[in-house]
Amino acid sequence: MKKGSWYDFISNVHSVAGGVSFPWRWLRYAGAIGIDHPRASEPTTKVGTNAVPRNGKLRFTSQHENRRSKDTHHFSGGRWVQVLYALTDFLLVCIDGLIAFSFRFLPSSPERILHWSRISSELGFSVNRYAAFFLLYGSLTLLFCQSQSLYQTVRTRTATQESFAILKAVTLSTLLLSAFIYFSGVKIVSRLVIACAGALNVITFAAWRLVKRRVVLGRAERGIGARNAVIVGAGRVGQALSEYLTENKQLGYQFKGFLDANHSGQPKLLGKIEDLARISRLEFIDEVLITIPSERELVKKVTAEARLLRLNVKVVPELYDGLGWDAPIQYVGDFPVMELHWEPIPGFGLFLKRVIDILGAGMGLVVLSPVLVATAIAIRLGSPGPALYCSQRVGKKGRRFSCYKFRSMVVKADEMKDHLRHLNERQGPTFKIASDPRITGLGKFLRKYSLDEIPQLWNVLKGDMSLVGPRPHPVDDYEQYSLEHLRRLDVKPGITGLWQVTARQDPSFETNMKLDLEYIENWNISLDMGILAKTLLEIAGGSGT
């Protein structure tokens, strides 16, 4: 290649990729280079680096300190292995790009791709620009592969799961590159070349990882590079762990035996816990697995001694008679916790619900602004007092907020409420009178067509309420709730709800509660849309009271 061609090539790389650095720098800054060791997927949590003896006591270091120490410890081994993985992927992206380009533009003689400058003049565009885009493509692919943990050997992940992760990473990087090409206005880059290169990337990435997987797992099953482990505690959990390690050689452990003071009849018993120093030298132990975490003093003693012997220590947390099997170990700040139960939250559904709330409330306030102004003027002219009525209501998780409505009653109606409780027609903590003497003449019309509720669109915009949900009750009604009634406060209150469109005239609070819980337990966007449609029909029919 001529000097000018190299200069053009480097210039295109910088202009297209925005100064993309070498891929291993990207990986390092993105945290891609981790430890080639099964951490999160194992049913244990490491405490060997957490517990540091100081003046006879245990000092627990932070999670970030532990990560730094692990990175330093494995820099000469695991980190460079993962750099090699990343470079292999990057090289394959470039090769696959050349193949896709050759078959698209040079189907008769693909070997001519080596003569860049000559091809550029024949094709009428710069091949260097293609090369620059493929370098950018390689960097994006490496970042997305890292997000799928493809540069860490997760030994419990199947080949199918790994292939799906590859498909996801390559698809995302290809779509992002295609979007960049489209919005940058570059016309010379063929989308067919990008699509073919993406397909080749999926095939080649999966192929070389399958070969690597077979080599690594074969070595592990033959015991090559395995870590000799001893289990402290020969009870039920210890027995289960030993069987699991024996049956799953790919995890990289060679089980040597137990240390326990009680189970003397166990054939794999190597000695008592006090014999750790002798057994570790005799059996060339690398790692100690503790299965009796409730013995706190014993755990601290074994950990301190293991540190002097330069042994790794892991603790199987209390499993609570099987309740903790397969429970993930996570961090709350610097505190490791075991998640025994996780209630799934429909994050995307809630996000979509909030988007609908904002758009619906915003458009409603704009479209209905003439109605708002006319209603406010009519209220002021019809009776003394403000146009808006503001009261404290109880919302999600018991949070109190100011709820806005058009005033449909006389001023100081709340002060008259206690004197009218004997006329209450509702069962339970709520208060309702069909012929309430506090309601003004205009207020009856507003309530019939639910016009008094329009200002609550502002509450929806603020986030206090949603378009659809259980109705927010006043504070004095909330104070009469029983324990089971509090479940209706698990979600945001709404302007309309399932009760309003199915049993609005039913005076029973239990019916109201039943329908609210039915809505909470079966919520989805389609249900909200159906309730909103039925609400419009109810308003048009004037079914309000």
Protein backbone atom coordinates (compact mmCIF):
# COMPACT_ATOMS: atom_id res chain seq x y z
CA MET A 1 0.00 0.00 0.00
CA LYS A 2 1.32 3.48 -0.84
CA LYS A 3 2.12 6.06 1.78
CA GLY A 4 -0.78 8.22 0.70
CA SER A 5 -3.18 5.31 1.03
CA TRP A 6 -2.06 4.62 4.59
CA TYR A 7 -2.50 8.28 5.44
CA ASP A 8 -6.03 8.29 4.00
CA PHE A 9 -6.80 5.08 5.84
CA ILE A 10 -5.74 6.45 9.25
CA SER A 11 -7.60 9.72 8.59
CA ASN A 12 -10.81 7.84 7.80
CA VAL A 13 -10.48 5.75 10.95
CA HIS A 14 -10.22 8.89 13.05
CA SER A 15 -13.01 10.80 11.31
CA VAL A 16 -15.53 7.95 11.20
CA ALA A 17 -14.86 6.38 14.59
CA GLY A 18 -14.40 9.68 16.39
CA GLY A 19 -10.90 8.80 17.54
CA VAL A 20 -11.60 5.16 18.39
CA SER A 21 -8.71 3.77 20.40
CA PHE A 22 -7.44 0.22 20.30
CA PRO A 23 -10.11 -2.26 21.33
CA TRP A 24 -8.30 -3.43 24.43
CA ARG A 25 -8.35 0.13 25.77
CA TRP A 26 -12.10 0.24 25.21
CA LEU A 27 -12.42 -3.04 27.05
CA ARG A 28 -10.35 -1.85 29.95
CA TYR A 29 -12.25 1.42 30.39
CA ALA A 30 -15.58 -0.39 30.04
CA GLY A 31 -14.57 -2.92 32.70
CA ALA A 32 -14.58 -5.71 30.15
CA ILE A 33 -11.45 -7.44 31.41
CA GLY A 34 -12.61 -9.30 34.49
CA ILE A 35 -11.64 -12.55 36.17
CA ASP A 36 -11.80 -15.82 34.27
CA HIS A 37 -13.42 -17.57 37.20
CA PRO A 38 -17.03 -18.53 38.04
CA ARG A 39 -18.13 -16.05 40.68
CA ALA A 40 -21.74 -14.91 40.42
CA SER A 41 -23.09 -18.23 39.14
CA GLU A 42 -21.71 -20.39 41.96
CA PRO A 43 -23.87 -21.06 45.05
CA THR A 44 -21.23 -19.51 47.33
CA THR A 45 -19.92 -16.10 48.23
CA LYS A 46 -16.28 -15.39 48.77
CA VAL A 47 -15.19 -14.08 52.14
CA GLY A 48 -11.48 -14.80 51.94
CA THR A 49 -10.70 -11.32 50.65
CA ASN A 50 -13.33 -9.66 52.81
CA ALA A 51 -12.01 -10.72 56.18
CA VAL A 52 -8.62 -9.18 56.93
CA PRO A 53 -7.15 -9.79 60.42
CA ARG A 54 -5.97 -6.64 62.11
CA ASN A 55 -4.94 -6.59 65.78
CA GLY A 56 -6.64 -9.92 66.34
CA LYS A 57 -9.95 -8.77 64.84
CA LEU A 58 -11.57 -9.11 61.45
CA ARG A 59 -11.74 -6.02 59.27
CA PHE A 60 -14.24 -6.23 56.40
CA THR A 61 -13.09 -4.39 53.32
CA SER A 62 -15.40 -2.82 50.77
CA GLN A 63 -16.63 -4.50 47.63
CA HIS A 64 -14.56 -2.11 45.49
CA GLU A 65 -11.36 -2.97 47.39
CA ASN A 66 -12.06 -6.66 46.84
CA ARG A 67 -12.50 -6.13 43.10
CA ARG A 68 -9.22 -4.22 42.88
CA SER A 69 -7.33 -6.93 44.74
CA LYS A 70 -8.83 -9.68 42.55
CA ASP A 71 -7.93 -7.80 39.35
CA THR A 72 -4.34 -7.36 40.51
CA HIS A 73 -4.04 -11.00 41.56
CA HIS A 74 -5.22 -12.30 38.17
CA PHE A 75 -3.56 -9.71 35.90
CA SER A 76 -0.80 -12.02 34.70
CA GLY A 77 -3.21 -14.85 33.87
CA GLY A 78 -6.94 -14.37 33.41
CA ARG A 79 -6.83 -10.79 32.21
CA TRP A 80 -4.51 -11.47 29.30
CA VAL A 81 -6.55 -14.53 28.36
CA GLN A 82 -9.57 -12.27 28.01
CA VAL A 83 -7.55 -9.73 26.02
CA LEU A 84 -6.78 -12.61 23.65
CA TYR A 85 -10.51 -13.43 23.43
CA ALA A 86 -11.30 -9.80 22.59
CA LEU A 87 -8.54 -9.58 19.97
CA THR A 88 -9.80 -12.81 18.38
CA ASP A 89 -13.28 -11.32 18.04
CA PHE A 90 -11.90 -8.08 16.66
CA LEU A 91 -9.81 -9.95 14.07
CA LEU A 92 -12.84 -12.01 13.05
CA VAL A 93 -14.92 -8.84 12.57
CA CYS A 94 -12.27 -7.51 10.17
CA ILE A 95 -11.97 -10.81 8.29
CA ASP A 96 -15.75 -11.22 8.05
CA GLY A 97 -16.01 -7.65 6.79
CA LEU A 98 -13.43 -8.33 4.06
CA ILE A 99 -15.29 -11.48 3.02
CA ALA A 100 -18.66 -9.69 2.87
CA PHE A 101 -17.12 -6.79 0.91
CA SER A 102 -15.39 -9.16 -1.54
CA PHE A 103 -18.51 -11.15 -2.35
CA ARG A 104 -20.54 -7.96 -2.78
CA PHE A 105 -18.16 -6.00 -5.04
CA LEU A 106 -15.61 -8.58 -6.26
CA PRO A 107 -17.56 -11.82 -6.76
CA SER A 108 -15.37 -13.05 -9.63
CA SER A 109 -11.94 -12.45 -8.05
CA PRO A 110 -12.18 -11.81 -4.28
CA GLU A 111 -8.38 -12.03 -3.88
CA ARG A 112 -8.15 -8.55 -5.46
CA ILE A 113 -9.29 -7.07 -2.14
CA LEU A 114 -5.58 -6.96 -1.20
CA HIS A 115 -4.97 -4.17 -3.76
CA TRP A 116 -6.90 -1.38 -2.04
CA SER A 117 -5.75 1.65 -3.97
CA ARG A 118 -6.41 0.00 -7.36
CA ILE A 119 -9.87 -1.21 -6.29
CA SER A 120 -10.84 2.25 -5.08
CA SER A 121 -10.27 3.73 -8.55
CA GLU A 122 -12.13 0.86 -10.24
CA LEU A 123 -15.16 0.98 -7.96
CA GLY A 124 -15.33 4.76 -7.79
CA PHE A 125 -15.24 5.10 -3.99
CA SER A 126 -12.69 4.83 -1.18
CA VAL A 127 -12.23 1.34 0.22
CA ASN A 128 -10.50 2.97 3.19
CA ARG A 129 -13.86 4.38 4.28
CA TYR A 130 -15.22 0.83 4.46
CA ALA A 131 -12.21 -0.26 6.52
CA ALA A 132 -12.76 2.60 8.94
CA PHE A 133 -16.39 1.63 9.42
CA PHE A 134 -15.43 -1.97 10.09
CA LEU A 135 -12.93 -0.88 12.75
CA LEU A 136 -15.75 1.06 14.37
CA TYR A 137 -17.98 -2.00 13.97
CA GLY A 138 -15.35 -4.15 15.69
CA SER A 139 -15.11 -1.78 18.65
CA LEU A 140 -18.91 -1.67 19.05
CA THR A 141 -19.12 -5.46 18.83
CA LEU A 142 -16.49 -5.88 21.55
CA LEU A 143 -18.39 -3.56 23.88
CA PHE A 144 -21.69 -5.39 23.35
CA CYS A 145 -19.95 -8.76 23.78
CA GLN A 146 -18.62 -7.53 27.09
CA SER A 147 -22.12 -6.52 28.17
CA GLN A 148 -23.12 -10.17 27.59
CA SER A 149 -20.13 -11.44 29.66
CA LEU A 150 -18.65 -13.16 26.60
CA TYR A 151 -15.09 -12.44 27.76
CA GLN A 152 -15.56 -14.31 31.03
CA THR A 153 -15.67 -18.08 31.19
CA VAL A 154 -18.99 -18.62 32.94
CA ARG A 155 -18.68 -22.38 33.35
CA THR A 156 -22.32 -22.94 34.20
CA ARG A 157 -23.50 -21.33 30.93
CA THR A 158 -24.46 -23.78 28.19
CA ALA A 159 -23.32 -23.54 24.57
CA THR A 160 -26.87 -22.59 23.56
CA GLN A 161 -26.98 -19.76 26.09
CA GLU A 162 -23.58 -18.52 24.93
CA SER A 163 -24.67 -18.62 21.28
CA PHE A 164 -27.80 -16.63 22.11
CA ALA A 165 -25.65 -14.04 23.92
CA ILE A 166 -23.46 -13.79 20.79
CA LEU A 167 -26.53 -13.30 18.58
CA LYS A 168 -27.81 -10.56 20.88
CA ALA A 169 -24.46 -8.73 21.06
CA VAL A 170 -23.79 -8.85 17.30
CA THR A 171 -27.37 -7.84 16.46
CA LEU A 172 -27.20 -4.80 18.73
CA SER A 173 -23.81 -3.67 17.39
CA THR A 174 -24.98 -4.16 13.79
CA LEU A 175 -28.16 -2.17 14.36
CA LEU A 176 -26.22 0.61 16.09
CA LEU A 177 -23.71 0.81 13.23
CA SER A 178 -26.53 0.83 10.66
CA ALA A 179 -28.25 3.65 12.52
CA PHE A 180 -24.98 5.60 12.64
CA ILE A 181 -24.46 5.14 8.89
CA TYR A 182 -28.05 6.21 8.16
CA PHE A 183 -28.02 9.36 10.31
CA SER A 184 -24.49 10.37 9.23
CA GLY A 185 -25.65 10.47 5.60
CA VAL A 186 -22.88 8.19 4.29
CA LYS A 187 -24.10 6.72 0.97
CA ILE A 188 -21.18 4.53 -0.09
CA VAL A 189 -21.54 1.89 2.65
CA SER A 190 -23.75 -0.98 1.52
CA ARG A 191 -26.29 -2.18 4.06
CA LEU A 192 -26.06 -5.63 2.45
CA VAL A 193 -22.35 -5.77 3.31
CA ILE A 194 -23.08 -4.83 6.92
CA ALA A 195 -25.86 -7.43 7.20
CA CYS A 196 -23.70 -10.19 5.69
CA ALA A 197 -20.80 -9.28 7.94
CA GLY A 198 -23.11 -9.46 10.96
CA ALA A 199 -24.32 -12.92 9.97
CA LEU A 200 -20.73 -14.11 9.48
CA ASN A 201 -19.79 -12.66 12.88
CA VAL A 202 -22.49 -14.69 14.61
CA ILE A 203 -21.30 -17.89 12.91
CA THR A 204 -17.56 -17.38 13.46
CA PHE A 205 -17.91 -16.11 17.05
CA ALA A 206 -20.04 -19.12 17.99
CA ALA A 207 -17.75 -21.56 16.15
CA TRP A 208 -14.48 -20.58 17.80
CA ARG A 209 -16.11 -20.39 21.23
CA LEU A 210 -17.51 -23.88 20.76
CA VAL A 211 -14.00 -25.16 20.03
CA LYS A 212 -12.61 -23.24 23.00
CA ARG A 213 -15.40 -24.57 25.23
CA ARG A 214 -14.61 -28.18 24.35
CA VAL A 215 -10.90 -27.66 25.00
CA VAL A 216 -11.44 -25.88 28.35
CA LEU A 217 -14.08 -28.30 29.62
CA GLY A 218 -12.01 -31.27 28.50
CA ARG A 219 -9.02 -30.02 30.50
CA ALA A 220 -11.21 -29.35 33.54
CA GLU A 221 -12.76 -32.80 33.45
CA ARG A 222 -9.27 -34.35 33.31
CA GLY A 223 -8.30 -32.33 36.37
CA ILE A 224 -5.80 -30.11 34.53
CA GLY A 225 -5.63 -26.76 36.29
CA ALA A 226 -8.27 -27.81 38.87
CA ARG A 227 -8.16 -26.38 42.41
CA ASN A 228 -7.90 -28.83 45.29
CA ALA A 229 -10.71 -28.11 47.73
CA VAL A 230 -11.55 -29.23 51.24
CA ILE A 231 -15.01 -28.79 52.74
CA VAL A 232 -15.41 -27.72 56.37
CA GLY A 233 -18.54 -29.46 57.67
CA ALA A 234 -19.69 -32.95 56.61
CA GLY A 235 -23.40 -32.35 57.23
CA ARG A 236 -26.21 -32.37 54.70
CA VAL A 237 -25.08 -29.21 52.93
CA GLY A 238 -21.45 -30.37 52.88
CA GLN A 239 -22.45 -33.73 51.41
CA ALA A 240 -24.57 -32.04 48.72
CA LEU A 241 -21.71 -29.67 47.84
CA SER A 242 -19.18 -32.52 47.57
CA GLU A 243 -21.49 -34.47 45.23
CA TYR A 244 -22.04 -31.37 43.11
CA LEU A 245 -18.32 -30.68 42.74
CA THR A 246 -17.62 -34.33 41.93
CA GLU A 247 -20.32 -34.46 39.24
CA ASN A 248 -19.41 -31.08 37.69
CA LYS A 249 -15.70 -31.22 36.95
CA GLN A 250 -16.06 -28.26 34.59
CA LEU A 251 -16.29 -25.98 37.63
CA GLY A 252 -12.57 -26.51 38.12
CA TYR A 253 -12.57 -28.14 41.59
CA GLN A 254 -10.95 -31.37 42.76
CA PHE A 255 -12.75 -32.41 45.98
CA LYS A 256 -10.28 -33.89 48.48
CA GLY A 257 -12.39 -34.48 51.59
CA PHE A 258 -14.04 -33.07 54.73
CA LEU A 259 -12.86 -31.45 57.93
CA ASP A 260 -15.34 -32.09 60.73
CA ALA A 261 -15.23 -32.95 64.44
CA ASN A 262 -18.49 -34.96 64.52
CA HIS A 263 -19.01 -37.17 61.45
CA SER A 264 -16.30 -39.72 62.29
CA GLY A 265 -17.83 -42.44 60.09
CA GLN A 266 -17.56 -40.39 56.91
CA PRO A 267 -15.19 -42.16 54.47
CA LYS A 268 -13.97 -38.86 53.02
CA LEU A 269 -13.21 -37.38 56.43
CA LEU A 270 -9.63 -36.10 56.46
CA GLY A 271 -9.55 -34.90 60.06
CA LYS A 272 -10.83 -32.29 62.47
CA ILE A 273 -11.07 -28.59 61.73
CA GLU A 274 -8.01 -28.01 63.91
CA ASP A 275 -6.03 -30.10 61.40
CA LEU A 276 -6.42 -27.56 58.60
CA ALA A 277 -2.71 -26.64 58.48
CA ARG A 278 -1.56 -30.27 58.31
CA ILE A 279 -4.24 -31.36 55.79
CA SER A 280 -3.64 -28.36 53.53
CA ARG A 281 0.02 -29.31 53.13
CA LEU A 282 -0.63 -33.04 52.90
CA GLU A 283 -3.36 -32.71 50.21
CA PHE A 284 -1.97 -29.56 48.51
CA ILE A 285 -5.22 -27.68 49.25
CA ASP A 286 -5.94 -24.48 47.31
CA GLU A 287 -9.38 -23.60 48.62
CA VAL A 288 -11.49 -24.07 51.75
CA LEU A 289 -15.29 -24.27 51.44
CA ILE A 290 -17.18 -23.69 54.69
CA THR A 291 -20.72 -25.14 54.89
CA ILE A 292 -21.58 -24.26 58.52
CA PRO A 293 -21.95 -20.45 58.41
CA SER A 294 -23.96 -20.35 61.64
CA GLU A 295 -20.77 -21.15 63.57
CA ARG A 296 -19.52 -17.57 63.46
CA GLU A 297 -16.45 -18.00 65.63
CA LEU A 298 -15.45 -21.10 63.69
CA VAL A 299 -15.77 -19.25 60.37
CA LYS A 300 -13.59 -16.41 61.63
CA LYS A 301 -11.01 -18.84 63.03
CA VAL A 302 -10.81 -20.88 59.81
CA THR A 303 -10.61 -17.72 57.69
CA ALA A 304 -7.78 -16.26 59.76
CA GLU A 305 -5.81 -19.53 59.65
CA ALA A 306 -6.44 -19.96 55.93
CA ARG A 307 -5.03 -16.52 55.24
CA LEU A 308 -1.81 -17.47 57.02
CA LEU A 309 -1.68 -20.61 54.86
CA ARG A 310 -2.45 -18.53 51.71
CA LEU A 311 -5.65 -20.46 50.99
CA ASN A 312 -8.82 -19.10 49.43
CA VAL A 313 -11.92 -19.31 51.61
CA LYS A 314 -15.54 -19.47 50.48
CA VAL A 315 -18.64 -19.77 52.64
CA VAL A 316 -21.87 -21.43 51.62
CA PRO A 317 -24.50 -19.19 53.28
CA GLU A 318 -27.29 -20.57 55.44
CA LEU A 319 -29.75 -22.26 53.07
CA TYR A 320 -32.72 -22.41 55.49
CA ASP A 321 -33.73 -26.01 54.80
CA GLY A 322 -33.52 -25.61 51.03
CA LEU A 323 -35.17 -22.18 50.80
CA GLY A 324 -31.87 -20.67 49.74
CA TRP A 325 -31.01 -23.16 46.98
CA ASP A 326 -30.07 -21.24 43.82
CA ALA A 327 -30.64 -17.91 45.60
CA PRO A 328 -28.33 -15.26 44.07
CA ILE A 329 -25.79 -13.39 46.18
CA GLN A 330 -26.02 -9.65 45.59
CA TYR A 331 -24.67 -6.49 47.18
CA VAL A 332 -26.60 -3.75 48.96
CA GLY A 333 -23.84 -1.18 48.96
CA ASP A 334 -20.94 -3.06 50.55
CA PHE A 335 -23.16 -5.64 52.28
CA PRO A 336 -23.53 -9.08 50.65
CA VAL A 337 -27.12 -10.33 50.81
CA MET A 338 -28.85 -13.52 49.68
CA GLU A 339 -32.10 -12.92 47.83
CA LEU A 340 -34.55 -15.61 48.99
CA HIS A 341 -37.51 -14.23 47.06
CA TRP A 342 -37.80 -11.73 44.26
CA GLU A 343 -41.09 -10.22 43.19
CA PRO A 344 -40.78 -9.33 39.50
CA ILE A 345 -41.56 -5.72 38.63
CA PRO A 346 -42.89 -5.03 35.10
CA GLY A 347 -40.41 -2.22 34.50
CA PHE A 348 -41.20 -1.62 30.85
CA GLY A 349 -44.96 -1.83 31.48
CA LEU A 350 -44.76 0.74 34.27
CA PHE A 351 -42.61 2.99 32.08
CA LEU A 352 -45.18 2.72 29.28
CA LYS A 353 -47.98 3.43 31.75
CA ARG A 354 -46.19 6.58 32.89
CA VAL A 355 -45.66 7.70 29.28
CA ILE A 356 -49.38 7.23 28.61
CA ASP A 357 -50.19 9.18 31.79
CA ILE A 358 -48.00 12.13 30.77
CA LEU A 359 -49.24 12.21 27.19
CA GLY A 360 -52.89 11.71 28.16
CA ALA A 361 -52.86 14.26 30.98
CA GLY A 362 -50.91 16.82 28.95
CA MET A 363 -53.17 16.54 25.91
CA GLY A 364 -56.25 16.50 28.13
CA LEU A 365 -55.29 19.76 29.84
CA VAL A 366 -54.59 21.43 26.48
CA VAL A 367 -57.75 20.19 24.74
CA LEU A 368 -60.00 20.81 27.73
CA SER A 369 -58.52 24.20 28.63
CA PRO A 370 -61.63 26.07 27.38
CA VAL A 371 -63.81 23.78 29.53
CA LEU A 372 -61.52 24.41 32.51
CA VAL A 373 -61.80 28.18 32.14
CA ALA A 374 -65.56 28.12 31.59
CA THR A 375 -66.16 25.79 34.54
CA ALA A 376 -63.99 27.89 36.87
CA ILE A 377 -65.90 31.05 35.94
CA ALA A 378 -69.27 29.31 36.38
CA ILE A 379 -68.31 28.05 39.87
CA ARG A 380 -67.19 31.50 40.99
CA LEU A 381 -70.41 33.05 39.72
CA GLY A 382 -72.66 30.27 41.06
CA SER A 383 -71.59 30.28 44.73
CA PRO A 384 -69.14 32.08 47.01
CA GLY A 385 -65.73 30.52 47.37
CA PRO A 386 -62.79 29.38 45.24
CA ALA A 387 -63.21 27.45 41.99
CA LEU A 388 -60.77 24.73 43.00
CA TYR A 389 -61.09 22.40 45.97
CA CYS A 390 -57.81 21.04 47.35
CA SER A 391 -57.82 18.20 49.88
CA GLN A 392 -55.28 15.83 51.35
CA ARG A 393 -55.53 12.31 49.91
CA VAL A 394 -53.54 9.15 50.54
CA GLY A 395 -51.64 7.70 47.59
CA LYS A 396 -49.13 4.97 46.85
CA LYS A 397 -47.43 3.46 49.91
CA GLY A 398 -49.43 5.77 52.18
CA ARG A 399 -47.89 8.98 50.83
CA ARG A 400 -50.14 12.01 51.27
CA PHE A 401 -50.61 14.56 48.50
CA SER A 402 -52.83 17.48 47.58
CA CYS A 403 -55.62 16.36 45.27
CA TYR A 404 -57.29 18.99 43.05
CA LYS A 405 -60.96 19.04 41.99
CA PHE A 406 -63.45 21.66 40.90
CA ARG A 407 -65.46 22.69 43.93
CA SER A 408 -68.91 21.08 43.77
CA MET A 409 -69.94 21.75 47.39
CA VAL A 410 -70.42 24.74 49.61
CA VAL A 411 -67.46 26.29 51.37
CA LYS A 412 -66.43 24.49 54.62
CA ALA A 413 -68.19 21.30 53.52
CA ASP A 414 -65.52 19.20 55.29
CA GLU A 415 -66.46 20.73 58.63
CA MET A 416 -70.05 19.56 58.13
CA LYS A 417 -69.01 15.96 57.40
CA ASP A 418 -69.04 14.72 61.01
CA HIS A 419 -72.60 16.00 61.52
CA LEU A 420 -73.79 14.04 58.47
CA ARG A 421 -72.10 10.69 59.15
CA HIS A 422 -75.37 9.17 60.39
CA LEU A 423 -76.69 9.61 56.82
CA ASN A 424 -73.76 7.74 55.23
CA GLU A 425 -75.00 5.26 52.59
CA ARG A 426 -71.68 3.50 52.06
CA GLN A 427 -70.53 0.44 53.99
CA GLY A 428 -67.01 0.57 55.37
CA PRO A 429 -64.63 3.50 55.87
CA THR A 430 -65.83 5.58 52.89
CA PHE A 431 -68.46 8.33 53.12
CA LYS A 432 -71.15 9.01 50.48
CA ILE A 433 -74.69 10.46 50.52
CA ALA A 434 -76.81 10.38 47.35
CA SER A 435 -78.68 13.62 48.17
CA ASP A 436 -75.82 15.37 49.94
CA PRO A 437 -77.10 18.78 51.17
CA ARG A 438 -73.63 20.27 50.76
CA ILE A 439 -73.62 19.89 46.96
CA THR A 440 -74.40 23.05 44.98
CA GLY A 441 -76.74 23.19 41.99
CA LEU A 442 -73.84 23.48 39.56
CA GLY A 443 -71.97 20.83 41.54
CA LYS A 444 -74.65 18.22 40.72
CA PHE A 445 -74.12 18.85 37.00
CA LEU A 446 -70.35 18.70 37.35
CA ARG A 447 -70.52 15.39 39.24
CA LYS A 448 -73.00 13.84 36.82
CA TYR A 449 -70.52 14.20 33.94
CA SER A 450 -67.37 13.91 36.13
CA LEU A 451 -66.26 17.42 35.12
CA ASP A 452 -65.16 18.06 38.70
CA GLU A 453 -62.37 15.48 38.19
CA ILE A 454 -60.64 17.31 35.30
CA PRO A 455 -58.13 19.23 37.50
CA GLN A 456 -56.76 15.86 38.66
CA LEU A 457 -55.00 15.68 35.30
CA TRP A 458 -52.49 18.02 36.95
CA ASN A 459 -51.99 15.42 39.72
CA VAL A 460 -51.28 12.87 36.99
CA LEU A 461 -48.65 15.12 35.40
CA LYS A 462 -47.01 15.64 38.79
CA GLY A 463 -46.84 11.88 39.35
CA ASP A 464 -49.15 11.77 42.39
CA MET A 465 -51.80 9.89 40.42
CA SER A 466 -52.30 7.85 37.27
CA LEU A 467 -55.08 7.98 34.71
CA VAL A 468 -56.21 4.53 35.87
CA GLY A 469 -56.00 3.11 39.37
CA PRO A 470 -57.85 2.82 42.69
CA ARG A 471 -59.54 6.06 43.74
CA PRO A 472 -57.59 8.09 46.34
CA HIS A 473 -59.45 8.32 49.64
CA PRO A 474 -59.43 11.28 52.03
CA VAL A 475 -57.21 11.05 55.10
CA ASP A 476 -60.13 10.53 57.53
CA ASP A 477 -61.37 7.58 55.45
CA TYR A 478 -57.85 6.17 55.27
CA GLU A 479 -57.54 6.28 59.06
CA GLN A 480 -60.47 3.84 59.28
CA TYR A 481 -58.74 1.25 57.02
CA SER A 482 -58.16 -2.23 58.38
CA LEU A 483 -54.88 -4.01 57.67
CA GLU A 484 -56.10 -5.80 54.53
CA HIS A 485 -57.40 -2.52 53.06
CA LEU A 486 -53.84 -1.18 52.81
CA ARG A 487 -53.15 -3.44 49.82
CA ARG A 488 -54.98 -0.99 47.56
CA LEU A 489 -52.17 1.48 48.26
CA ASP A 490 -49.55 -0.69 46.53
CA VAL A 491 -50.09 1.28 43.31
CA LYS A 492 -50.72 4.89 42.37
CA PRO A 493 -54.33 6.03 42.71
CA GLY A 494 -56.17 6.91 39.52
CA ILE A 495 -58.77 9.30 38.15
CA THR A 496 -60.77 6.29 36.99
CA GLY A 497 -60.63 2.61 37.74
CA LEU A 498 -62.24 -0.79 37.48
CA TRP A 499 -64.83 0.04 40.14
CA GLN A 500 -65.95 3.21 38.35
CA VAL A 501 -66.75 1.37 35.11
CA THR A 502 -68.26 -1.83 36.56
CA ALA A 503 -69.93 -1.14 39.93
CA ARG A 504 -70.10 2.62 40.41
CA GLN A 505 -73.56 2.51 42.03
CA ASP A 506 -72.69 -0.33 44.43
CA PRO A 507 -72.52 1.17 47.96
CA SER A 508 -70.39 -1.67 49.38
CA PHE A 509 -66.79 -0.80 50.22
CA GLU A 510 -65.98 -4.51 50.02
CA THR A 511 -67.02 -4.51 46.34
CA ASN A 512 -64.83 -1.47 45.80
CA MET A 513 -61.94 -3.22 47.55
CA LYS A 514 -62.44 -6.46 45.64
CA LEU A 515 -62.36 -4.68 42.27
CA ASP A 516 -59.30 -2.63 43.26
CA LEU A 517 -57.37 -5.78 44.20
CA GLU A 518 -58.51 -7.48 41.00
CA TYR A 519 -57.10 -4.54 39.06
CA ILE A 520 -53.78 -4.63 40.97
CA GLU A 521 -53.27 -8.37 40.57
CA ASN A 522 -54.22 -8.50 36.87
CA TRP A 523 -52.82 -5.17 35.72
CA ASN A 524 -51.57 -4.69 32.18
CA ILE A 525 -51.64 -1.93 29.59
CA SER A 526 -54.58 -3.51 27.74
CA LEU A 527 -56.64 -3.43 30.94
CA ASP A 528 -55.89 0.28 31.34
CA MET A 529 -56.90 1.00 27.76
CA GLY A 530 -60.17 -0.88 28.22
CA ILE A 531 -60.99 1.01 31.43
CA LEU A 532 -60.26 4.36 29.77
CA ALA A 533 -62.56 3.50 26.84
CA LYS A 534 -65.38 2.45 29.18
CA THR A 535 -64.84 5.60 31.25
CA LEU A 536 -65.56 7.79 28.21
CA LEU A 537 -68.83 5.90 27.70
CA GLU A 538 -69.75 6.32 31.38
CA ILE A 539 -69.06 10.07 31.22
CA ALA A 540 -71.10 10.46 28.06
CA GLY A 541 -74.01 8.63 29.74
CA GLY A 542 -73.86 10.92 32.77
CA SER A 543 -73.65 8.09 35.31
CA GLY A 544 -71.78 10.14 37.93
CA THR A 545 -73.25 10.98 41.32
